[in-house]
Amino acid sequence: MIKKFLSGRKINILCGFASVALMWAAWIIAYYSVKNDYLIPSFQSTFAEFWKLLGSAEFWSSFGMTFLRTLEAFAISLILAAACAALSAVSKIFSAFLKPVTIILRTLPTLAVMLLILVWSSAVTAPVIVTCLVLFPMMLAQFNAAICGVDGGLIQMAKVYGVSKKDILFKIYLPQISPNILSQTGANVSLGLKLTISAEVLAATYNSLGGLMQTSSAFVEIPRLAALTIAAVVLGFILDVAFSQLKRVNSKWQGSVEF
C-alpha cells in the first residue's frame, strides 16, 4: 500500500524535495554572502535552536495557546459565514445589506485595526478578533460560491416531489457544498494560524508563539527567531495536510446519503 501511495505521488514528492533543496541552497548562499548572524543566521545554529524548541515545555505551551486561539477564530468565522451565507441565499435584502460590510472587512488595513482593537480589548483576545475579521469575509465568499454551484434543477425536482426542507438541506445542499468548503479548510486553518501569530507578535501576547517571537526579536536572538518561524511554518503545513483529510470523511458521507 505504501509503495502504491508513493508511486502515485512520485512527481509531487520529487518536486517538493527539489523546492526545499532550492530554498536551503538559497539560505546557505545568502548566509555565506553576508556572514553576519545578526542579519541571516546560519543553518546549523537555527536548527540547533529548532530542536531545543521541540524539547521545550514553554514552546509547546505557547503553541497550544496559539492553536486554541486559531481554532476559536476559525470556528467563529465558520459559524458566522455559514449563517450569513444561508440567510443571503434565502433573502436578497439581507444579501444586499451584507455586501458592503464584507467589502469593508476585506479592505481594512490589518495593522491599523490591530492597534485599535488593542485599545479596546486585551492582548489575549485581540489576535482572535483580528483573525476573525480576515477569515470571515473570505469564508463567506467560499460559502456563497459553493451555494451558487448547487444544481438548481435538482432543488426544483426535490420540491416537485415533495422532499422535505430538512432533506433538501442535509441531503442536497450540504453534500454538494461540503467538498468545496472542506477542500479549503486546511488552507483556512493554516492562514488563521499565520494571522494569529502575527497579531500576537504585535500585541506581545504572553504564552504564545507570537510572544516568543517578539521576545526573541527584542533580545536579538536571531537564530531562535528563525527557528520559531520554521516551527510555525512546519506546524502550519501539518495542520493544512491534517485538515485537508476531512475530504475523505466527506466522500464516505456523500456515498452513504440516500433519500
C-alpha atoms as a PDB file:
ATOM      1  CA  MET A   1       0.000   0.000   0.000  1.00  0.00           C
ATOM      2  CA  ILE A   2       2.841   2.379   0.878  1.00  0.00           C
ATOM      3  CA  LYS A   3       4.576   1.584  -2.424  1.00  0.00           C
ATOM      4  CA  LYS A   4       1.365   2.306  -4.333  1.00  0.00           C
ATOM      5  CA  PHE A   5       0.876   5.578  -2.416  1.00  0.00           C
ATOM      6  CA  LEU A   6       4.426   6.729  -3.194  1.00  0.00           C
ATOM      7  CA  SER A   7       4.309   5.712  -6.851  1.00  0.00           C
ATOM      8  CA  GLY A   8       1.098   7.669  -7.405  1.00  0.00           C
ATOM      9  CA  ARG A   9       2.635  10.806  -5.936  1.00  0.00           C
ATOM     10  CA  LYS A  10       6.235  10.399  -7.135  1.00  0.00           C
ATOM     11  CA  ILE A  11       6.311  13.632  -9.148  1.00  0.00           C
ATOM     12  CA  ASN A  12       4.799  15.696  -6.311  1.00  0.00           C
ATOM     13  CA  ILE A  13       7.277  14.245  -3.806  1.00  0.00           C
ATOM     14  CA  LEU A  14      10.276  14.871  -6.086  1.00  0.00           C
ATOM     15  CA  CYS A  15       9.148  18.430  -6.830  1.00  0.00           C
ATOM     16  CA  GLY A  16       8.617  19.041  -3.107  1.00  0.00           C
ATOM     17  CA  PHE A  17      12.132  17.839  -2.262  1.00  0.00           C
ATOM     18  CA  ALA A  18      13.571  19.915  -5.109  1.00  0.00           C
ATOM     19  CA  SER A  19      11.769  23.020  -3.846  1.00  0.00           C
ATOM     20  CA  VAL A  20      13.023  22.516  -0.271  1.00  0.00           C
ATOM     21  CA  ALA A  21      16.569  21.873  -1.538  1.00  0.00           C
ATOM     22  CA  LEU A  22      16.476  25.070  -3.594  1.00  0.00           C
ATOM     23  CA  MET A  23      15.336  27.151  -0.601  1.00  0.00           C
ATOM     24  CA  TRP A  24      18.005  25.520   1.576  1.00  0.00           C
ATOM     25  CA  ALA A  25      20.688  26.311  -1.002  1.00  0.00           C
ATOM     26  CA  ALA A  26      19.486  29.928  -1.259  1.00  0.00           C
ATOM     27  CA  TRP A  27      19.672  30.217   2.544  1.00  0.00           C
ATOM     28  CA  ILE A  28      23.255  28.889   2.661  1.00  0.00           C
ATOM     29  CA  ILE A  29      24.354  31.162  -0.208  1.00  0.00           C
ATOM     30  CA  ALA A  30      22.756  34.185   1.477  1.00  0.00           C
ATOM     31  CA  TYR A  31      24.414  33.351   4.808  1.00  0.00           C
ATOM     32  CA  TYR A  32      27.913  32.991   3.365  1.00  0.00           C
ATOM     33  CA  SER A  33      27.413  36.128   1.278  1.00  0.00           C
ATOM     34  CA  VAL A  34      26.586  38.233   4.345  1.00  0.00           C
ATOM     35  CA  LYS A  35      28.442  36.298   7.088  1.00  0.00           C
ATOM     36  CA  ASN A  36      26.539  38.129   9.798  1.00  0.00           C
ATOM     37  CA  ASP A  37      24.453  36.107  12.268  1.00  0.00           C
ATOM     38  CA  TYR A  38      22.528  39.240  13.247  1.00  0.00           C
ATOM     39  CA  LEU A  39      21.180  39.526   9.691  1.00  0.00           C
ATOM     40  CA  ILE A  40      20.967  35.925   8.472  1.00  0.00           C
ATOM     41  CA  PRO A  41      21.510  33.107  10.999  1.00  0.00           C
ATOM     42  CA  SER A  42      23.438  30.019   9.979  1.00  0.00           C
ATOM     43  CA  PHE A  43      21.649  26.800   9.098  1.00  0.00           C
ATOM     44  CA  GLN A  44      23.390  24.933  11.921  1.00  0.00           C
ATOM     45  CA  SER A  45      22.582  27.435  14.689  1.00  0.00           C
ATOM     46  CA  THR A  46      18.978  27.781  13.540  1.00  0.00           C
ATOM     47  CA  PHE A  47      18.283  24.064  13.574  1.00  0.00           C
ATOM     48  CA  ALA A  48      20.106  23.657  16.871  1.00  0.00           C
ATOM     49  CA  GLU A  49      17.589  26.154  18.294  1.00  0.00           C
ATOM     50  CA  PHE A  50      14.778  24.368  16.444  1.00  0.00           C
ATOM     51  CA  TRP A  51      15.488  21.050  18.177  1.00  0.00           C
ATOM     52  CA  LYS A  52      15.771  22.852  21.506  1.00  0.00           C
ATOM     53  CA  LEU A  53      12.307  24.302  20.939  1.00  0.00           C
ATOM     54  CA  LEU A  54      10.817  20.874  20.260  1.00  0.00           C
ATOM     55  CA  GLY A  55      12.102  19.727  23.647  1.00  0.00           C
ATOM     56  CA  SER A  56      10.895  22.824  25.461  1.00  0.00           C
ATOM     57  CA  ALA A  57       7.709  22.795  27.540  1.00  0.00           C
ATOM     58  CA  GLU A  58       7.437  26.569  27.088  1.00  0.00           C
ATOM     59  CA  PHE A  59       7.286  26.176  23.304  1.00  0.00           C
ATOM     60  CA  TRP A  60       4.537  23.537  23.384  1.00  0.00           C
ATOM     61  CA  SER A  61       2.545  25.507  25.929  1.00  0.00           C
ATOM     62  CA  SER A  62       2.816  28.599  23.733  1.00  0.00           C
ATOM     63  CA  PHE A  63       1.903  26.633  20.618  1.00  0.00           C
ATOM     64  CA  GLY A  64      -1.096  25.117  22.408  1.00  0.00           C
ATOM     65  CA  MET A  65      -2.463  28.535  23.350  1.00  0.00           C
ATOM     66  CA  THR A  66      -1.845  29.925  19.853  1.00  0.00           C
ATOM     67  CA  PHE A  67      -3.510  26.894  18.298  1.00  0.00           C
ATOM     68  CA  LEU A  68      -6.539  27.265  20.581  1.00  0.00           C
ATOM     69  CA  ARG A  69      -6.877  30.924  19.596  1.00  0.00           C
ATOM     70  CA  THR A  70      -6.624  29.907  15.940  1.00  0.00           C
ATOM     71  CA  LEU A  71      -9.333  27.256  16.316  1.00  0.00           C
ATOM     72  CA  GLU A  72     -11.532  29.716  18.217  1.00  0.00           C
ATOM     73  CA  ALA A  73     -11.217  32.320  15.462  1.00  0.00           C
ATOM     74  CA  PHE A  74     -11.778  29.678  12.768  1.00  0.00           C
ATOM     75  CA  ALA A  75     -14.879  28.273  14.484  1.00  0.00           C
ATOM     76  CA  ILE A  76     -16.409  31.730  14.998  1.00  0.00           C
ATOM     77  CA  SER A  77     -15.694  32.692  11.384  1.00  0.00           C
ATOM     78  CA  LEU A  78     -17.084  29.383  10.087  1.00  0.00           C
ATOM     79  CA  ILE A  79     -20.348  29.643  12.035  1.00  0.00           C
ATOM     80  CA  LEU A  80     -20.887  33.299  11.115  1.00  0.00           C
ATOM     81  CA  ALA A  81     -20.011  32.703   7.456  1.00  0.00           C
ATOM     82  CA  ALA A  82     -22.318  29.677   7.196  1.00  0.00           C
ATOM     83  CA  ALA A  83     -25.205  31.529   8.865  1.00  0.00           C
ATOM     84  CA  CYS A  84     -24.762  34.659   6.743  1.00  0.00           C
ATOM     85  CA  ALA A  85     -24.441  32.608   3.534  1.00  0.00           C
ATOM     86  CA  ALA A  86     -27.651  30.721   4.360  1.00  0.00           C
ATOM     87  CA  LEU A  87     -29.531  33.955   5.090  1.00  0.00           C
ATOM     88  CA  SER A  88     -28.172  35.559   1.924  1.00  0.00           C
ATOM     89  CA  ALA A  89     -29.371  32.572  -0.101  1.00  0.00           C
ATOM     90  CA  VAL A  90     -32.966  32.983   1.095  1.00  0.00           C
ATOM     91  CA  SER A  91     -33.104  36.787   1.418  1.00  0.00           C
ATOM     92  CA  LYS A  92     -31.929  39.198  -1.279  1.00  0.00           C
ATOM     93  CA  ILE A  93     -32.415  42.092   1.161  1.00  0.00           C
ATOM     94  CA  PHE A  94     -30.007  40.544   3.672  1.00  0.00           C
ATOM     95  CA  SER A  95     -27.546  39.776   0.847  1.00  0.00           C
ATOM     96  CA  ALA A  96     -27.629  43.417  -0.314  1.00  0.00           C
ATOM     97  CA  PHE A  97     -27.190  44.615   3.290  1.00  0.00           C
ATOM     98  CA  LEU A  98     -24.239  42.283   3.901  1.00  0.00           C
ATOM     99  CA  LYS A  99     -22.314  43.045   0.701  1.00  0.00           C
ATOM    100  CA  PRO A 100     -20.865  46.466   1.711  1.00  0.00           C
ATOM    101  CA  VAL A 101     -19.983  45.053   5.148  1.00  0.00           C
ATOM    102  CA  THR A 102     -17.877  42.277   3.627  1.00  0.00           C
ATOM    103  CA  ILE A 103     -16.233  44.703   1.181  1.00  0.00           C
ATOM    104  CA  ILE A 104     -15.204  46.955   4.081  1.00  0.00           C
ATOM    105  CA  LEU A 105     -13.873  43.988   6.088  1.00  0.00           C
ATOM    106  CA  ARG A 106     -11.795  42.797   3.117  1.00  0.00           C
ATOM    107  CA  THR A 107     -10.205  46.215   2.642  1.00  0.00           C
ATOM    108  CA  LEU A 108      -9.479  47.022   6.287  1.00  0.00           C
ATOM    109  CA  PRO A 109      -5.737  47.524   6.976  1.00  0.00           C
ATOM    110  CA  THR A 110      -4.932  44.724   9.410  1.00  0.00           C
ATOM    111  CA  LEU A 111      -2.179  46.591  11.264  1.00  0.00           C
ATOM    112  CA  ALA A 112      -4.308  49.664  11.941  1.00  0.00           C
ATOM    113  CA  VAL A 113      -7.250  47.514  13.047  1.00  0.00           C
ATOM    114  CA  MET A 114      -4.957  45.563  15.364  1.00  0.00           C
ATOM    115  CA  LEU A 115      -3.772  48.750  17.064  1.00  0.00           C
ATOM    116  CA  LEU A 116      -7.357  49.918  17.567  1.00  0.00           C
ATOM    117  CA  ILE A 117      -8.503  46.554  18.914  1.00  0.00           C
ATOM    118  CA  LEU A 118      -5.617  46.541  21.391  1.00  0.00           C
ATOM    119  CA  VAL A 119      -7.020  49.773  22.840  1.00  0.00           C
ATOM    120  CA  TRP A 120     -10.488  48.235  23.187  1.00  0.00           C
ATOM    121  CA  SER A 121      -9.528  44.726  24.303  1.00  0.00           C
ATOM    122  CA  SER A 122      -6.622  42.712  25.733  1.00  0.00           C
ATOM    123  CA  ALA A 123      -3.526  41.158  24.185  1.00  0.00           C
ATOM    124  CA  VAL A 124      -5.175  37.745  24.607  1.00  0.00           C
ATOM    125  CA  THR A 125      -8.426  38.430  22.755  1.00  0.00           C
ATOM    126  CA  ALA A 126      -7.126  40.880  20.122  1.00  0.00           C
ATOM    127  CA  PRO A 127      -5.442  38.173  17.956  1.00  0.00           C
ATOM    128  CA  VAL A 128      -8.708  36.198  17.848  1.00  0.00           C
ATOM    129  CA  ILE A 129     -10.698  39.261  16.753  1.00  0.00           C
ATOM    130  CA  VAL A 130      -8.169  40.227  14.071  1.00  0.00           C
ATOM    131  CA  THR A 131      -8.086  36.679  12.690  1.00  0.00           C
ATOM    132  CA  CYS A 132     -11.893  36.589  12.562  1.00  0.00           C
ATOM    133  CA  LEU A 133     -12.009  39.888  10.682  1.00  0.00           C
ATOM    134  CA  VAL A 134      -9.799  38.406   7.963  1.00  0.00           C
ATOM    135  CA  LEU A 135     -11.198  34.863   7.837  1.00  0.00           C
ATOM    136  CA  PHE A 136     -14.916  35.735   7.966  1.00  0.00           C
ATOM    137  CA  PRO A 137     -15.265  37.601   4.621  1.00  0.00           C
ATOM    138  CA  MET A 138     -13.031  35.060   2.893  1.00  0.00           C
ATOM    139  CA  MET A 139     -15.025  32.078   4.192  1.00  0.00           C
ATOM    140  CA  LEU A 140     -18.310  33.829   3.417  1.00  0.00           C
ATOM    141  CA  ALA A 141     -17.201  34.180  -0.206  1.00  0.00           C
ATOM    142  CA  GLN A 142     -16.333  30.468  -0.234  1.00  0.00           C
ATOM    143  CA  PHE A 143     -19.779  29.525   1.111  1.00  0.00           C
ATOM    144  CA  ASN A 144     -21.545  31.805  -1.389  1.00  0.00           C
ATOM    145  CA  ALA A 145     -19.577  30.323  -4.280  1.00  0.00           C
ATOM    146  CA  ALA A 146     -20.367  26.792  -3.114  1.00  0.00           C
ATOM    147  CA  ILE A 147     -24.097  27.555  -2.770  1.00  0.00           C
ATOM    148  CA  CYS A 148     -24.189  29.134  -6.240  1.00  0.00           C
ATOM    149  CA  GLY A 149     -22.678  25.911  -7.575  1.00  0.00           C
ATOM    150  CA  VAL A 150     -25.557  23.746  -6.309  1.00  0.00           C
ATOM    151  CA  ASP A 151     -27.644  22.263  -9.138  1.00  0.00           C
ATOM    152  CA  GLY A 152     -30.822  24.376  -9.241  1.00  0.00           C
ATOM    153  CA  GLY A 153     -32.627  21.749 -11.300  1.00  0.00           C
ATOM    154  CA  LEU A 154     -32.066  19.188  -8.572  1.00  0.00           C
ATOM    155  CA  ILE A 155     -33.556  21.547  -5.977  1.00  0.00           C
ATOM    156  CA  GLN A 156     -36.634  22.181  -8.153  1.00  0.00           C
ATOM    157  CA  MET A 157     -37.101  18.470  -8.720  1.00  0.00           C
ATOM    158  CA  ALA A 158     -36.898  17.801  -4.976  1.00  0.00           C
ATOM    159  CA  LYS A 159     -39.585  20.428  -4.342  1.00  0.00           C
ATOM    160  CA  VAL A 160     -41.842  18.944  -7.058  1.00  0.00           C
ATOM    161  CA  TYR A 161     -41.566  15.501  -5.472  1.00  0.00           C
ATOM    162  CA  GLY A 162     -42.347  16.902  -2.029  1.00  0.00           C
ATOM    163  CA  VAL A 163     -38.942  16.357  -0.441  1.00  0.00           C
ATOM    164  CA  SER A 164     -38.846  17.989   2.987  1.00  0.00           C
ATOM    165  CA  LYS A 165     -36.760  21.112   3.591  1.00  0.00           C
ATOM    166  CA  LYS A 166     -34.696  19.156   6.095  1.00  0.00           C
ATOM    167  CA  ASP A 167     -33.794  16.543   3.456  1.00  0.00           C
ATOM    168  CA  ILE A 168     -33.104  19.268   0.877  1.00  0.00           C
ATOM    169  CA  LEU A 169     -30.679  20.887   3.320  1.00  0.00           C
ATOM    170  CA  PHE A 170     -28.916  17.760   4.593  1.00  0.00           C
ATOM    171  CA  LYS A 171     -29.111  15.533   1.500  1.00  0.00           C
ATOM    172  CA  ILE A 172     -28.736  18.025  -1.359  1.00  0.00           C
ATOM    173  CA  TYR A 173     -27.205  21.301  -0.218  1.00  0.00           C
ATOM    174  CA  LEU A 174     -24.703  20.026   2.352  1.00  0.00           C
ATOM    175  CA  PRO A 175     -23.350  17.095   0.277  1.00  0.00           C
ATOM    176  CA  GLN A 176     -22.898  19.395  -2.734  1.00  0.00           C
ATOM    177  CA  ILE A 177     -21.258  22.343  -0.966  1.00  0.00           C
ATOM    178  CA  SER A 178     -19.174  20.354   1.529  1.00  0.00           C
ATOM    179  CA  PRO A 179     -16.429  19.251  -0.941  1.00  0.00           C
ATOM    180  CA  ASN A 180     -15.639  22.881  -1.826  1.00  0.00           C
ATOM    181  CA  ILE A 181     -15.740  24.000   1.805  1.00  0.00           C
ATOM    182  CA  LEU A 182     -13.747  21.084   3.224  1.00  0.00           C
ATOM    183  CA  SER A 183     -11.111  21.313   0.473  1.00  0.00           C
ATOM    184  CA  GLN A 184     -10.304  24.817   1.731  1.00  0.00           C
ATOM    185  CA  THR A 185     -10.474  24.065   5.453  1.00  0.00           C
ATOM    186  CA  GLY A 186      -6.793  23.166   5.770  1.00  0.00           C
ATOM    187  CA  ALA A 187      -5.687  26.328   3.982  1.00  0.00           C
ATOM    188  CA  ASN A 188      -8.057  28.442   6.099  1.00  0.00           C
ATOM    189  CA  VAL A 189      -6.768  26.990   9.377  1.00  0.00           C
ATOM    190  CA  SER A 190      -3.165  27.416   8.218  1.00  0.00           C
ATOM    191  CA  LEU A 191      -3.863  31.035   7.256  1.00  0.00           C
ATOM    192  CA  GLY A 192      -5.617  31.547  10.596  1.00  0.00           C
ATOM    193  CA  LEU A 193      -2.506  30.299  12.406  1.00  0.00           C
ATOM    194  CA  LYS A 194      -0.328  32.766  10.480  1.00  0.00           C
ATOM    195  CA  LEU A 195      -2.700  35.652  11.209  1.00  0.00           C
ATOM    196  CA  THR A 196      -2.941  34.753  14.893  1.00  0.00           C
ATOM    197  CA  ILE A 197       0.846  34.581  15.287  1.00  0.00           C
ATOM    198  CA  SER A 198       1.295  37.915  13.500  1.00  0.00           C
ATOM    199  CA  ALA A 199      -1.283  39.550  15.772  1.00  0.00           C
ATOM    200  CA  GLU A 200       0.359  38.004  18.846  1.00  0.00           C
ATOM    201  CA  VAL A 201       3.723  39.467  17.823  1.00  0.00           C
ATOM    202  CA  LEU A 202       2.223  42.939  17.563  1.00  0.00           C
ATOM    203  CA  ALA A 203       0.258  42.555  20.805  1.00  0.00           C
ATOM    204  CA  ALA A 204       3.173  40.864  22.636  1.00  0.00           C
ATOM    205  CA  THR A 205       0.721  38.222  23.832  1.00  0.00           C
ATOM    206  CA  TYR A 206       2.009  36.244  26.804  1.00  0.00           C
ATOM    207  CA  ASN A 207       2.309  32.453  26.423  1.00  0.00           C
ATOM    208  CA  SER A 208       2.053  32.377  22.636  1.00  0.00           C
ATOM    209  CA  LEU A 209       4.242  31.708  19.608  1.00  0.00           C
ATOM    210  CA  GLY A 210       3.962  35.349  18.650  1.00  0.00           C
ATOM    211  CA  GLY A 211       5.041  36.359  22.149  1.00  0.00           C
ATOM    212  CA  LEU A 212       8.110  34.105  21.925  1.00  0.00           C
ATOM    213  CA  MET A 213       8.984  35.669  18.563  1.00  0.00           C
ATOM    214  CA  GLN A 214       8.574  39.173  19.943  1.00  0.00           C
ATOM    215  CA  THR A 215      10.840  38.343  22.892  1.00  0.00           C
ATOM    216  CA  SER A 216      13.484  36.796  20.615  1.00  0.00           C
ATOM    217  CA  SER A 217      13.422  39.904  18.429  1.00  0.00           C
ATOM    218  CA  ALA A 218      13.720  42.225  21.436  1.00  0.00           C
ATOM    219  CA  PHE A 219      16.798  40.345  22.719  1.00  0.00           C
ATOM    220  CA  VAL A 220      18.240  39.989  19.185  1.00  0.00           C
ATOM    221  CA  GLU A 221      18.163  36.187  19.343  1.00  0.00           C
ATOM    222  CA  ILE A 222      18.066  35.803  15.561  1.00  0.00           C
ATOM    223  CA  PRO A 223      18.713  32.008  15.366  1.00  0.00           C
ATOM    224  CA  ARG A 224      15.900  31.435  17.885  1.00  0.00           C
ATOM    225  CA  LEU A 225      13.612  33.783  15.947  1.00  0.00           C
ATOM    226  CA  ALA A 226      14.376  31.923  12.718  1.00  0.00           C
ATOM    227  CA  ALA A 227      13.783  28.594  14.470  1.00  0.00           C
ATOM    228  CA  LEU A 228      10.394  29.798  15.755  1.00  0.00           C
ATOM    229  CA  THR A 229       9.499  30.903  12.235  1.00  0.00           C
ATOM    230  CA  ILE A 230      10.426  27.498  10.820  1.00  0.00           C
ATOM    231  CA  ALA A 231       8.440  25.782  13.586  1.00  0.00           C
ATOM    232  CA  ALA A 232       5.388  27.912  12.738  1.00  0.00           C
ATOM    233  CA  VAL A 233       5.745  27.052   9.032  1.00  0.00           C
ATOM    234  CA  VAL A 234       6.088  23.315   9.740  1.00  0.00           C
ATOM    235  CA  LEU A 235       3.136  23.294  12.138  1.00  0.00           C
ATOM    236  CA  GLY A 236       1.041  25.273   9.665  1.00  0.00           C
ATOM    237  CA  PHE A 237       1.882  22.744   6.945  1.00  0.00           C
ATOM    238  CA  ILE A 238       0.945  19.831   9.217  1.00  0.00           C
ATOM    239  CA  LEU A 239      -2.380  21.477  10.074  1.00  0.00           C
ATOM    240  CA  ASP A 240      -3.078  22.127   6.383  1.00  0.00           C
ATOM    241  CA  VAL A 241      -2.453  18.469   5.484  1.00  0.00           C
ATOM    242  CA  ALA A 242      -4.341  17.114   8.523  1.00  0.00           C
ATOM    243  CA  PHE A 243      -7.473  19.217   7.983  1.00  0.00           C
ATOM    244  CA  SER A 244      -7.387  18.507   4.262  1.00  0.00           C
ATOM    245  CA  GLN A 245      -8.054  14.852   5.077  1.00  0.00           C
ATOM    246  CA  LEU A 246     -11.605  15.876   6.012  1.00  0.00           C
ATOM    247  CA  LYS A 247     -12.390  15.488   2.296  1.00  0.00           C
ATOM    248  CA  ARG A 248     -12.081  11.716   2.676  1.00  0.00           C
ATOM    249  CA  VAL A 249     -14.617  11.694   5.503  1.00  0.00           C
ATOM    250  CA  ASN A 250     -16.930  13.791   3.361  1.00  0.00           C
ATOM    251  CA  SER A 251     -16.605  11.362   0.426  1.00  0.00           C
ATOM    252  CA  LYS A 252     -17.739   8.495   2.645  1.00  0.00           C
ATOM    253  CA  TRP A 253     -20.659  10.587   3.922  1.00  0.00           C
ATOM    254  CA  GLN A 254     -21.723  11.502   0.390  1.00  0.00           C
ATOM    255  CA  GLY A 255     -21.647   7.864  -0.594  1.00  0.00           C
ATOM    256  CA  SER A 256     -23.987   6.972   2.262  1.00  0.00           C
ATOM    257  CA  VAL A 257     -26.570   9.743   1.596  1.00  0.00           C
ATOM    258  CA  GLU A 258     -29.915   8.341   0.442  1.00  0.00           C
ATOM    259  CA  PHE A 259     -33.429   9.743   0.256  1.00  0.00           C
END
